[in-house]
């Protein structure tokens, strides 16, 4: 991957991270049944995992581009 491709990928990662962070909602404050609560928790954990992977790739690309 050349420098231009890395910069393009970095821009895409930043956009994806912003979108995923918007989708990552806090747990609801009202009482809910265990099924809904479990589904919400699973969805938040999945989004958090995706965010973590993208942040790691973002750090790596920034380091490779000397932006660290």
PDB file of N, CA and C in Angstrom:
ATOM      1  N   UNK A   1       0.859  -1.172   0.000  1.00  0.00           N
ATOM      2  CA  UNK A   1       0.000   0.000   0.000  1.00  0.00           C
ATOM      3  C   UNK A   1       0.906   1.236   0.000  1.00  0.00           C
ATOM      4  N   UNK A   2       0.694   2.099  -0.988  1.00  0.00           N
ATOM      5  CA  UNK A   2       1.513   3.307  -1.050  1.00  0.00           C
ATOM      6  C   UNK A   2       0.947   4.387  -0.125  1.00  0.00           C
ATOM      7  N   UNK A   3       1.649   5.493  -0.037  1.00  0.00           N
ATOM      8  CA  UNK A   3       1.263   6.546   0.907  1.00  0.00           C
ATOM      9  C   UNK A   3      -0.121   7.109   0.615  1.00  0.00           C
ATOM     10  N   UNK A   4      -0.443   7.308  -0.651  1.00  0.00           N
ATOM     11  CA  UNK A   4      -1.754   7.831  -1.024  1.00  0.00           C
ATOM     12  C   UNK A   4      -2.866   6.873  -0.603  1.00  0.00           C
ATOM     13  N   UNK A   5      -2.649   5.595  -0.822  1.00  0.00           N
ATOM     14  CA  UNK A   5      -3.640   4.594  -0.426  1.00  0.00           C
ATOM     15  C   UNK A   5      -3.798   4.548   1.091  1.00  0.00           C
ATOM     16  N   UNK A   6      -2.692   4.706   1.800  1.00  0.00           N
ATOM     17  CA  UNK A   6      -2.749   4.724   3.263  1.00  0.00           C
ATOM     18  C   UNK A   6      -3.549   5.919   3.760  1.00  0.00           C
ATOM     19  N   UNK A   7      -3.331   7.080   3.136  1.00  0.00           N
ATOM     20  CA  UNK A   7      -4.080   8.277   3.530  1.00  0.00           C
ATOM     21  C   UNK A   7      -5.569   8.122   3.222  1.00  0.00           C
ATOM     22  N   UNK A   8      -5.879   7.526   2.074  1.00  0.00           N
ATOM     23  CA  UNK A   8      -7.280   7.272   1.733  1.00  0.00           C
ATOM     24  C   UNK A   8      -7.912   6.315   2.744  1.00  0.00           C
ATOM     25  N   UNK A   9      -7.188   5.265   3.088  1.00  0.00           N
ATOM     26  CA  UNK A   9      -7.701   4.295   4.062  1.00  0.00           C
ATOM     27  C   UNK A   9      -7.892   4.963   5.428  1.00  0.00           C
ATOM     28  N   UNK A  10      -6.972   5.832   5.800  1.00  0.00           N
ATOM     29  CA  UNK A  10      -7.069   6.546   7.069  1.00  0.00           C
ATOM     30  C   UNK A  10      -8.327   7.417   7.101  1.00  0.00           C
ATOM     31  N   UNK A  11      -8.634   8.084   5.986  1.00  0.00           N
ATOM     32  CA  UNK A  11      -9.862   8.890   5.905  1.00  0.00           C
ATOM     33  C   UNK A  11     -11.100   8.004   6.042  1.00  0.00           C
ATOM     34  N   UNK A  12     -11.088   6.858   5.379  1.00  0.00           N
ATOM     35  CA  UNK A  12     -12.223   5.936   5.468  1.00  0.00           C
ATOM     36  C   UNK A  12     -12.392   5.427   6.899  1.00  0.00           C
ATOM     37  N   UNK A  13     -11.292   5.128   7.559  1.00  0.00           N
ATOM     38  CA  UNK A  13     -11.352   4.651   8.944  1.00  0.00           C
ATOM     39  C   UNK A  13     -11.941   5.732   9.840  1.00  0.00           C
ATOM     40  N   UNK A  14     -11.497   6.974   9.667  1.00  0.00           N
ATOM     41  CA  UNK A  14     -12.035   8.076  10.476  1.00  0.00           C
ATOM     42  C   UNK A  14     -13.544   8.220  10.278  1.00  0.00           C
ATOM     43  N   UNK A  15     -14.004   8.086   9.034  1.00  0.00           N
ATOM     44  CA  UNK A  15     -15.437   8.171   8.760  1.00  0.00           C
ATOM     45  C   UNK A  15     -16.180   7.001   9.403  1.00  0.00           C
ATOM     46  N   UNK A  16     -15.616   5.792   9.274  1.00  0.00           N
ATOM     47  CA  UNK A  16     -16.240   4.605   9.867  1.00  0.00           C
ATOM     48  C   UNK A  16     -16.293   4.712  11.385  1.00  0.00           C
ATOM     49  N   UNK A  17     -15.211   5.199  11.977  1.00  0.00           N
ATOM     50  CA  UNK A  17     -15.186   5.347  13.435  1.00  0.00           C
ATOM     51  C   UNK A  17     -16.251   6.338  13.908  1.00  0.00           C
ATOM     52  N   UNK A  18     -16.392   7.435  13.203  1.00  0.00           N
ATOM     53  CA  UNK A  18     -17.408   8.429  13.586  1.00  0.00           C
ATOM     54  C   UNK A  18     -18.802   7.818  13.504  1.00  0.00           C
ATOM     55  N   UNK A  19     -19.067   7.062  12.438  1.00  0.00           N
ATOM     56  CA  UNK A  19     -20.378   6.433  12.274  1.00  0.00           C
ATOM     57  C   UNK A  19     -20.622   5.386  13.358  1.00  0.00           C
ATOM     58  N   UNK A  20     -19.627   4.552  13.625  1.00  0.00           N
ATOM     59  CA  UNK A  20     -19.784   3.516  14.644  1.00  0.00           C
ATOM     60  C   UNK A  20     -19.973   4.113  16.040  1.00  0.00           C
ATOM     61  N   UNK A  21     -19.256   5.177  16.321  1.00  0.00           N
ATOM     62  CA  UNK A  21     -19.409   5.821  17.635  1.00  0.00           C
ATOM     63  C   UNK A  21     -20.798   6.409  17.799  1.00  0.00           C
ATOM     64  N   UNK A  22     -21.374   6.916  16.708  1.00  0.00           N
ATOM     65  CA  UNK A  22     -22.753   7.419  16.765  1.00  0.00           C
ATOM     66  C   UNK A  22     -23.726   6.273  17.027  1.00  0.00           C
ATOM     67  N   UNK A  23     -23.439   5.107  16.435  1.00  0.00           N
ATOM     68  CA  UNK A  23     -24.309   3.938  16.607  1.00  0.00           C
ATOM     69  C   UNK A  23     -24.177   3.320  17.991  1.00  0.00           C
ATOM     70  N   UNK A  24     -23.079   3.590  18.675  1.00  0.00           N
ATOM     71  CA  UNK A  24     -22.830   3.007  19.988  1.00  0.00           C
ATOM     72  C   UNK A  24     -23.613   3.786  21.034  1.00  0.00           C
ATOM     73  N   UNK A  25     -24.818   3.346  21.285  1.00  0.00           N
ATOM     74  CA  UNK A  25     -25.695   4.041  22.224  1.00  0.00           C
ATOM     75  C   UNK A  25     -25.477   3.511  23.632  1.00  0.00           C
ATOM     76  N   UNK A  26     -25.670   4.352  24.617  1.00  0.00           N
ATOM     77  CA  UNK A  26     -25.553   3.880  26.002  1.00  0.00           C
ATOM     78  C   UNK A  26     -26.699   2.934  26.327  1.00  0.00           C
ATOM     79  N   UNK A  27     -26.527   2.098  27.317  1.00  0.00           N
ATOM     80  CA  UNK A  27     -27.617   1.192  27.679  1.00  0.00           C
ATOM     81  C   UNK A  27     -28.836   1.990  28.132  1.00  0.00           C
ATOM     82  N   UNK A  28     -30.015   1.497  27.774  1.00  0.00           N
ATOM     83  CA  UNK A  28     -31.225   2.227  28.176  1.00  0.00           C
ATOM     84  C   UNK A  28     -31.370   2.232  29.688  1.00  0.00           C
ATOM     85  N   UNK A  29     -31.932   3.289  30.205  1.00  0.00           N
ATOM     86  CA  UNK A  29     -32.084   3.432  31.648  1.00  0.00           C
ATOM     87  C   UNK A  29     -33.333   2.771  32.191  1.00  0.00           C
ATOM     88  N   UNK A  30     -34.278   2.482  31.304  1.00  0.00           N
ATOM     89  CA  UNK A  30     -35.522   1.888  31.795  1.00  0.00           C
ATOM     90  C   UNK A  30     -35.400   0.375  31.949  1.00  0.00           C
ATOM     91  N   UNK A  31     -36.260  -0.190  32.751  1.00  0.00           N
ATOM     92  CA  UNK A  31     -36.263  -1.634  32.978  1.00  0.00           C
ATOM     93  C   UNK A  31     -36.752  -2.337  31.712  1.00  0.00           C
ATOM     94  N   UNK A  32     -36.038  -3.402  31.335  1.00  0.00           N
ATOM     95  CA  UNK A  32     -36.389  -4.163  30.140  1.00  0.00           C
ATOM     96  C   UNK A  32     -36.246  -5.635  30.457  1.00  0.00           C
ATOM     97  N   UNK A  33     -36.744  -6.460  29.577  1.00  0.00           N
ATOM     98  CA  UNK A  33     -36.591  -7.884  29.845  1.00  0.00           C
ATOM     99  C   UNK A  33     -35.160  -8.325  29.511  1.00  0.00           C
ATOM    100  N   UNK A  34     -34.818  -9.509  29.970  1.00  0.00           N
ATOM    101  CA  UNK A  34     -33.449  -9.995  29.828  1.00  0.00           C
ATOM    102  C   UNK A  34     -33.060 -10.238  28.370  1.00  0.00           C
ATOM    103  N   UNK A  35     -34.003 -10.627  27.544  1.00  0.00           N
ATOM    104  CA  UNK A  35     -33.693 -10.879  26.131  1.00  0.00           C
ATOM    105  C   UNK A  35     -33.271  -9.580  25.447  1.00  0.00           C
ATOM    106  N   UNK A  36     -34.083  -8.536  25.625  1.00  0.00           N
ATOM    107  CA  UNK A  36     -33.739  -7.243  25.017  1.00  0.00           C
ATOM    108  C   UNK A  36     -32.421  -6.713  25.567  1.00  0.00           C
ATOM    109  N   UNK A  37     -32.252  -6.819  26.869  1.00  0.00           N
ATOM    110  CA  UNK A  37     -31.015  -6.330  27.478  1.00  0.00           C
ATOM    111  C   UNK A  37     -29.813  -7.103  26.942  1.00  0.00           C
ATOM    112  N   UNK A  38     -29.964  -8.404  26.784  1.00  0.00           N
ATOM    113  CA  UNK A  38     -28.873  -9.223  26.249  1.00  0.00           C
ATOM    114  C   UNK A  38     -28.551  -8.870  24.814  1.00  0.00           C
ATOM    115  N   UNK A  39     -29.576  -8.639  24.012  1.00  0.00           N
ATOM    116  CA  UNK A  39     -29.354  -8.251  22.616  1.00  0.00           C
ATOM    117  C   UNK A  39     -28.670  -6.895  22.527  1.00  0.00           C
ATOM    118  N   UNK A  40     -29.099  -5.963  23.360  1.00  0.00           N
ATOM    119  CA  UNK A  40     -28.467  -4.639  23.379  1.00  0.00           C
ATOM    120  C   UNK A  40     -26.997  -4.743  23.772  1.00  0.00           C
ATOM    121  N   UNK A  41     -26.724  -5.542  24.789  1.00  0.00           N
ATOM    122  CA  UNK A  41     -25.348  -5.718  25.243  1.00  0.00           C
ATOM    123  C   UNK A  41     -24.493  -6.343  24.154  1.00  0.00           C
ATOM    124  N   UNK A  42     -25.007  -7.369  23.496  1.00  0.00           N
ATOM    125  CA  UNK A  42     -24.265  -8.030  22.417  1.00  0.00           C
ATOM    126  C   UNK A  42     -23.972  -7.047  21.280  1.00  0.00           C
ATOM    127  N   UNK A  43     -24.952  -6.236  20.925  1.00  0.00           N
ATOM    128  CA  UNK A  43     -24.758  -5.254  19.846  1.00  0.00           C
ATOM    129  C   UNK A  43     -23.716  -4.220  20.233  1.00  0.00           C
ATOM    130  N   UNK A  44     -23.773  -3.728  21.479  1.00  0.00           N
ATOM    131  CA  UNK A  44     -22.771  -2.745  21.928  1.00  0.00           C
ATOM    132  C   UNK A  44     -21.375  -3.357  21.947  1.00  0.00           C
ATOM    133  N   UNK A  45     -21.270  -4.611  22.386  1.00  0.00           N
ATOM    134  CA  UNK A  45     -19.963  -5.266  22.426  1.00  0.00           C
ATOM    135  C   UNK A  45     -19.413  -5.486  21.024  1.00  0.00           C
ATOM    136  N   UNK A  46     -20.289  -5.818  20.078  1.00  0.00           N
ATOM    137  CA  UNK A  46     -19.848  -5.996  18.703  1.00  0.00           C
ATOM    138  C   UNK A  46     -19.337  -4.678  18.123  1.00  0.00           C
ATOM    139  N   UNK A  47     -20.086  -3.602  18.345  1.00  0.00           N
ATOM    140  CA  UNK A  47     -19.651  -2.287  17.866  1.00  0.00           C
ATOM    141  C   UNK A  47     -18.346  -1.867  18.522  1.00  0.00           C
ATOM    142  N   UNK A  48     -18.222  -2.111  19.815  1.00  0.00           N
ATOM    143  CA  UNK A  48     -16.991  -1.756  20.528  1.00  0.00           C
ATOM    144  C   UNK A  48     -15.811  -2.534  19.964  1.00  0.00           C
ATOM    145  N   UNK A  49     -16.027  -3.795  19.614  1.00  0.00           N
ATOM    146  CA  UNK A  49     -14.959  -4.592  19.018  1.00  0.00           C
ATOM    147  C   UNK A  49     -14.544  -4.060  17.660  1.00  0.00           C
ATOM    148  N   UNK A  50     -15.520  -3.657  16.846  1.00  0.00           N
ATOM    149  CA  UNK A  50     -15.210  -3.079  15.537  1.00  0.00           C
ATOM    150  C   UNK A  50     -14.438  -1.777  15.695  1.00  0.00           C
ATOM    151  N   UNK A  51     -14.847  -0.959  16.650  1.00  0.00           N
ATOM    152  CA  UNK A  51     -14.164   0.313  16.910  1.00  0.00           C
ATOM    153  C   UNK A  51     -12.718   0.044  17.328  1.00  0.00           C
ATOM    154  N   UNK A  52     -12.530  -0.929  18.206  1.00  0.00           N
ATOM    155  CA  UNK A  52     -11.187  -1.257  18.677  1.00  0.00           C
ATOM    156  C   UNK A  52     -10.281  -1.689  17.527  1.00  0.00           C
ATOM    157  N   UNK A  53     -10.795  -2.527  16.624  1.00  0.00           N
ATOM    158  CA  UNK A  53      -9.995  -2.970  15.476  1.00  0.00           C
ATOM    159  C   UNK A  53      -9.644  -1.802  14.555  1.00  0.00           C
ATOM    160  N   UNK A  54     -10.622  -0.938  14.293  1.00  0.00           N
ATOM    161  CA  UNK A  54     -10.355   0.213  13.427  1.00  0.00           C
ATOM    162  C   UNK A  54      -9.372   1.184  14.069  1.00  0.00           C
ATOM    163  N   UNK A  55      -9.476   1.384  15.375  1.00  0.00           N
ATOM    164  CA  UNK A  55      -8.529   2.273  16.051  1.00  0.00           C
ATOM    165  C   UNK A  55      -7.114   1.718  15.978  1.00  0.00           C
ATOM    166  N   UNK A  56      -6.964   0.404  16.090  1.00  0.00           N
ATOM    167  CA  UNK A  56      -5.636  -0.209  15.991  1.00  0.00           C
ATOM    168  C   UNK A  56      -5.075  -0.013  14.586  1.00  0.00           C
ATOM    169  N   UNK A  57      -5.906  -0.223  13.562  1.00  0.00           N
ATOM    170  CA  UNK A  57      -5.452  -0.012  12.188  1.00  0.00           C
ATOM    171  C   UNK A  57      -5.116   1.455  11.964  1.00  0.00           C
ATOM    172  N   UNK A  58      -5.920   2.342  12.528  1.00  0.00           N
ATOM    173  CA  UNK A  58      -5.671   3.787  12.398  1.00  0.00           C
ATOM    174  C   UNK A  58      -4.329   4.172  13.012  1.00  0.00           C
ATOM    175  N   UNK A  59      -4.052   3.652  14.213  1.00  0.00           N
ATOM    176  CA  UNK A  59      -2.754   3.936  14.856  1.00  0.00           C
ATOM    177  C   UNK A  59      -1.594   3.434  14.003  1.00  0.00           C
ATOM    178  N   UNK A  60      -1.746   2.218  13.474  1.00  0.00           N
ATOM    179  CA  UNK A  60      -0.686   1.637  12.641  1.00  0.00           C
ATOM    180  C   UNK A  60      -0.436   2.495  11.409  1.00  0.00           C
ATOM    181  N   UNK A  61      -1.499   2.895  10.724  1.00  0.00           N
ATOM    182  CA  UNK A  61      -1.350   3.718   9.517  1.00  0.00           C
ATOM    183  C   UNK A  61      -0.756   5.075   9.859  1.00  0.00           C
ATOM    184  N   UNK A  62      -1.193   5.691  10.936  1.00  0.00           N
ATOM    185  CA  UNK A  62      -0.630   6.984  11.339  1.00  0.00           C
ATOM    186  C   UNK A  62       0.864   6.852  11.626  1.00  0.00           C
ATOM    187  N   UNK A  63       1.256   5.766  12.285  1.00  0.00           N
ATOM    188  CA  UNK A  63       2.677   5.541  12.564  1.00  0.00           C
ATOM    189  C   UNK A  63       3.453   5.372  11.263  1.00  0.00           C
ATOM    190  N   UNK A  64       2.895   4.597  10.330  1.00  0.00           N
ATOM    191  CA  UNK A  64       3.578   4.372   9.045  1.00  0.00           C
ATOM    192  C   UNK A  64       3.696   5.664   8.236  1.00  0.00           C
ATOM    193  N   UNK A  65       2.734   6.572   8.414  1.00  0.00           N
ATOM    194  CA  UNK A  65       2.771   7.838   7.692  1.00  0.00           C
ATOM    195  C   UNK A  65       3.530   8.924   8.449  1.00  0.00           C
ATOM    196  N   UNK A  66       4.017   8.593   9.625  1.00  0.00           N
ATOM    197  CA  UNK A  66       4.758   9.566  10.433  1.00  0.00           C
ATOM    198  C   UNK A  66       3.860  10.593  11.091  1.00  0.00           C
ATOM    199  N   UNK A  67       2.594  10.235  11.313  1.00  0.00           N
ATOM    200  CA  UNK A  67       1.645  11.154  11.919  1.00  0.00           C
ATOM    201  C   UNK A  67       1.398  10.820  13.379  1.00  0.00           C
ATOM    202  N   UNK A  68       2.041   9.744  13.854  1.00  0.00           N
ATOM    203  CA  UNK A  68       1.823   9.206  15.195  1.00  0.00           C
ATOM    204  C   UNK A  68       1.846  10.193  16.253  1.00  0.00           C
TER     205      UNK A  68
END
